[in-house]
Amino acid sequence: MNAKDIIENQIPEALKAKPELAKEIGAKVVFNISGEGGGTWTVDLTKEDGWVSEGAAADAKMTVSASNDDFVKIREKKLNAQMAAMQGKLKFKPMDMGLAMKLAKLM
């Protein structure tokens, strides 16, 4: 498993199963994942489908940055997202705690 698989496959599957999550979050978020298996994606939760695209949207509300390894550990529940954020392994720019908490439901 890597960030590409999580963002391009698992997140859209979760959104198809629970479309209300996209409405609840209702924002464009860029995921900037470093390391092997990483990359940059925009997850546009203002749309009804086709949420994920490669690259960074200029009008994103927040950018989430992490290494591929840490991102996968968070997804597998081997690393607590709040702890990762406090340790600087998971970064949000600008920090929007409300949006970050909503995103946690998607992870």
C-alpha atoms as a PDB file:
ATOM      1  CA  MET A   1       0.000   0.000   0.000  1.00  0.00           C
ATOM      2  CA  ASN A   2       1.170   3.532  -0.757  1.00  0.00           C
ATOM      3  CA  ALA A   3      -0.250   7.067  -0.807  1.00  0.00           C
ATOM      4  CA  LYS A   4      -1.134   6.835  -4.521  1.00  0.00           C
ATOM      5  CA  ASP A   5      -3.329   3.778  -3.871  1.00  0.00           C
ATOM      6  CA  ILE A   6      -4.958   5.396  -0.827  1.00  0.00           C
ATOM      7  CA  ILE A   7      -5.709   8.706  -2.545  1.00  0.00           C
ATOM      8  CA  GLU A   8      -6.629   7.435  -6.024  1.00  0.00           C
ATOM      9  CA  ASN A   9      -8.538   4.283  -5.013  1.00  0.00           C
ATOM     10  CA  GLN A  10      -9.417   4.009  -1.324  1.00  0.00           C
ATOM     11  CA  ILE A  11     -10.602   7.591  -0.756  1.00  0.00           C
ATOM     12  CA  PRO A  12     -12.937   7.550  -3.814  1.00  0.00           C
ATOM     13  CA  GLU A  13     -14.289   4.145  -2.676  1.00  0.00           C
ATOM     14  CA  ALA A  14     -14.984   5.583   0.794  1.00  0.00           C
ATOM     15  CA  LEU A  15     -16.722   8.594  -0.784  1.00  0.00           C
ATOM     16  CA  LYS A  16     -18.876   6.381  -3.018  1.00  0.00           C
ATOM     17  CA  ALA A  17     -19.912   4.396   0.066  1.00  0.00           C
ATOM     18  CA  LYS A  18     -20.608   7.571   2.086  1.00  0.00           C
ATOM     19  CA  PRO A  19     -21.257  10.494  -0.302  1.00  0.00           C
ATOM     20  CA  GLU A  20     -22.394  12.616   2.650  1.00  0.00           C
ATOM     21  CA  LEU A  21     -18.707  12.852   3.711  1.00  0.00           C
ATOM     22  CA  ALA A  22     -17.860  14.932   0.634  1.00  0.00           C
ATOM     23  CA  LYS A  23     -20.758  17.296   1.385  1.00  0.00           C
ATOM     24  CA  GLU A  24     -19.743  17.551   5.046  1.00  0.00           C
ATOM     25  CA  ILE A  25     -16.112  18.394   4.221  1.00  0.00           C
ATOM     26  CA  GLY A  26     -17.019  20.559   1.202  1.00  0.00           C
ATOM     27  CA  ALA A  27     -13.521  21.821   0.380  1.00  0.00           C
ATOM     28  CA  LYS A  28     -10.617  21.296  -2.009  1.00  0.00           C
ATOM     29  CA  VAL A  29      -7.631  19.764  -0.256  1.00  0.00           C
ATOM     30  CA  VAL A  30      -4.163  19.159  -1.700  1.00  0.00           C
ATOM     31  CA  PHE A  31      -2.218  16.127  -0.501  1.00  0.00           C
ATOM     32  CA  ASN A  32       1.524  16.595  -0.913  1.00  0.00           C
ATOM     33  CA  ILE A  33       3.132  13.241  -0.123  1.00  0.00           C
ATOM     34  CA  SER A  34       6.924  12.869  -0.216  1.00  0.00           C
ATOM     35  CA  GLY A  35       9.008   9.771  -0.810  1.00  0.00           C
ATOM     36  CA  GLU A  36       8.500   6.680  -2.944  1.00  0.00           C
ATOM     37  CA  GLY A  37       4.821   6.128  -3.729  1.00  0.00           C
ATOM     38  CA  GLY A  38       4.120   9.784  -3.052  1.00  0.00           C
ATOM     39  CA  GLY A  39       3.086  12.672  -5.256  1.00  0.00           C
ATOM     40  CA  THR A  40       0.686  15.608  -5.286  1.00  0.00           C
ATOM     41  CA  TRP A  41      -3.074  15.268  -5.628  1.00  0.00           C
ATOM     42  CA  THR A  42      -6.099  17.495  -5.221  1.00  0.00           C
ATOM     43  CA  VAL A  43      -9.162  15.980  -3.590  1.00  0.00           C
ATOM     44  CA  ASP A  44     -12.094  18.196  -4.547  1.00  0.00           C
ATOM     45  CA  LEU A  45     -14.905  17.514  -2.096  1.00  0.00           C
ATOM     46  CA  THR A  46     -17.081  20.289  -3.527  1.00  0.00           C
ATOM     47  CA  LYS A  47     -18.046  17.994  -6.446  1.00  0.00           C
ATOM     48  CA  GLU A  48     -20.484  15.068  -6.646  1.00  0.00           C
ATOM     49  CA  ASP A  49     -17.878  12.701  -8.146  1.00  0.00           C
ATOM     50  CA  GLY A  50     -14.479  12.696  -9.869  1.00  0.00           C
ATOM     51  CA  TRP A  51     -12.974  13.926  -6.614  1.00  0.00           C
ATOM     52  CA  VAL A  52      -9.307  13.079  -7.159  1.00  0.00           C
ATOM     53  CA  SER A  53      -6.928  14.642  -9.687  1.00  0.00           C
ATOM     54  CA  GLU A  54      -3.152  14.765  -9.929  1.00  0.00           C
ATOM     55  CA  GLY A  55      -1.417  18.044  -9.172  1.00  0.00           C
ATOM     56  CA  ALA A  56      -2.206  20.910  -6.824  1.00  0.00           C
ATOM     57  CA  ALA A  57      -5.242  23.154  -7.269  1.00  0.00           C
ATOM     58  CA  ALA A  58      -4.353  26.813  -6.772  1.00  0.00           C
ATOM     59  CA  ASP A  59      -7.648  27.456  -4.964  1.00  0.00           C
ATOM     60  CA  ALA A  60      -7.339  24.622  -2.411  1.00  0.00           C
ATOM     61  CA  LYS A  61      -8.494  25.455   1.103  1.00  0.00           C
ATOM     62  CA  MET A  62      -5.686  23.453   2.727  1.00  0.00           C
ATOM     63  CA  THR A  63      -2.558  21.459   1.894  1.00  0.00           C
ATOM     64  CA  VAL A  64      -1.800  18.280   3.835  1.00  0.00           C
ATOM     65  CA  SER A  65       1.854  17.191   3.792  1.00  0.00           C
ATOM     66  CA  ALA A  66       3.388  13.940   5.004  1.00  0.00           C
ATOM     67  CA  SER A  67       5.843  11.276   3.948  1.00  0.00           C
ATOM     68  CA  ASN A  68       4.454   8.243   2.135  1.00  0.00           C
ATOM     69  CA  ASP A  69       5.459   5.998   5.054  1.00  0.00           C
ATOM     70  CA  ASP A  70       3.714   8.149   7.668  1.00  0.00           C
ATOM     71  CA  PHE A  71       0.628   8.634   5.479  1.00  0.00           C
ATOM     72  CA  VAL A  72       0.266   4.853   5.061  1.00  0.00           C
ATOM     73  CA  LYS A  73       0.775   4.306   8.823  1.00  0.00           C
ATOM     74  CA  ILE A  74      -2.000   6.837   9.551  1.00  0.00           C
ATOM     75  CA  ARG A  75      -4.330   5.086   7.097  1.00  0.00           C
ATOM     76  CA  GLU A  76      -3.538   1.686   8.649  1.00  0.00           C
ATOM     77  CA  LYS A  77      -4.182   3.145  12.128  1.00  0.00           C
ATOM     78  CA  LYS A  78      -0.566   2.361  13.133  1.00  0.00           C
ATOM     79  CA  LEU A  79       0.119   6.072  13.671  1.00  0.00           C
ATOM     80  CA  ASN A  80      -2.330   8.434  15.364  1.00  0.00           C
ATOM     81  CA  ALA A  81      -2.949  11.474  13.130  1.00  0.00           C
ATOM     82  CA  GLN A  82      -3.006  13.900  16.084  1.00  0.00           C
ATOM     83  CA  MET A  83       0.321  12.538  17.364  1.00  0.00           C
ATOM     84  CA  ALA A  84       1.785  12.716  13.850  1.00  0.00           C
ATOM     85  CA  ALA A  85       0.708  16.368  13.598  1.00  0.00           C
ATOM     86  CA  MET A  86       2.236  17.208  16.983  1.00  0.00           C
ATOM     87  CA  GLN A  87       5.485  15.485  15.959  1.00  0.00           C
ATOM     88  CA  GLY A  88       5.592  17.425  12.679  1.00  0.00           C
ATOM     89  CA  LYS A  89       5.103  14.267  10.584  1.00  0.00           C
ATOM     90  CA  LEU A  90       1.703  15.478   9.349  1.00  0.00           C
ATOM     91  CA  LYS A  91       1.394  19.148   8.394  1.00  0.00           C
ATOM     92  CA  PHE A  92      -1.619  21.271   7.510  1.00  0.00           C
ATOM     93  CA  LYS A  93      -1.226  24.603   5.736  1.00  0.00           C
ATOM     94  CA  PRO A  94      -2.986  26.795   6.678  1.00  0.00           C
ATOM     95  CA  MET A  95      -3.970  25.016   9.877  1.00  0.00           C
ATOM     96  CA  ASP A  96      -7.753  24.721   9.916  1.00  0.00           C
ATOM     97  CA  MET A  97      -8.586  22.467  12.856  1.00  0.00           C
ATOM     98  CA  GLY A  98     -12.245  22.110  11.860  1.00  0.00           C
ATOM     99  CA  LEU A  99     -11.339  21.000   8.325  1.00  0.00           C
ATOM    100  CA  ALA A 100      -8.583  18.693   9.632  1.00  0.00           C
ATOM    101  CA  MET A 101     -11.051  16.982  11.976  1.00  0.00           C
ATOM    102  CA  LYS A 102     -13.534  16.479   9.110  1.00  0.00           C
ATOM    103  CA  LEU A 103     -10.770  15.033   6.923  1.00  0.00           C
ATOM    104  CA  ALA A 104      -9.928  12.537   9.665  1.00  0.00           C
ATOM    105  CA  LYS A 105     -13.327  10.909   9.045  1.00  0.00           C
ATOM    106  CA  LEU A 106     -12.230  10.202   5.484  1.00  0.00           C
ATOM    107  CA  MET A 107      -8.971   8.601   6.542  1.00  0.00           C
END
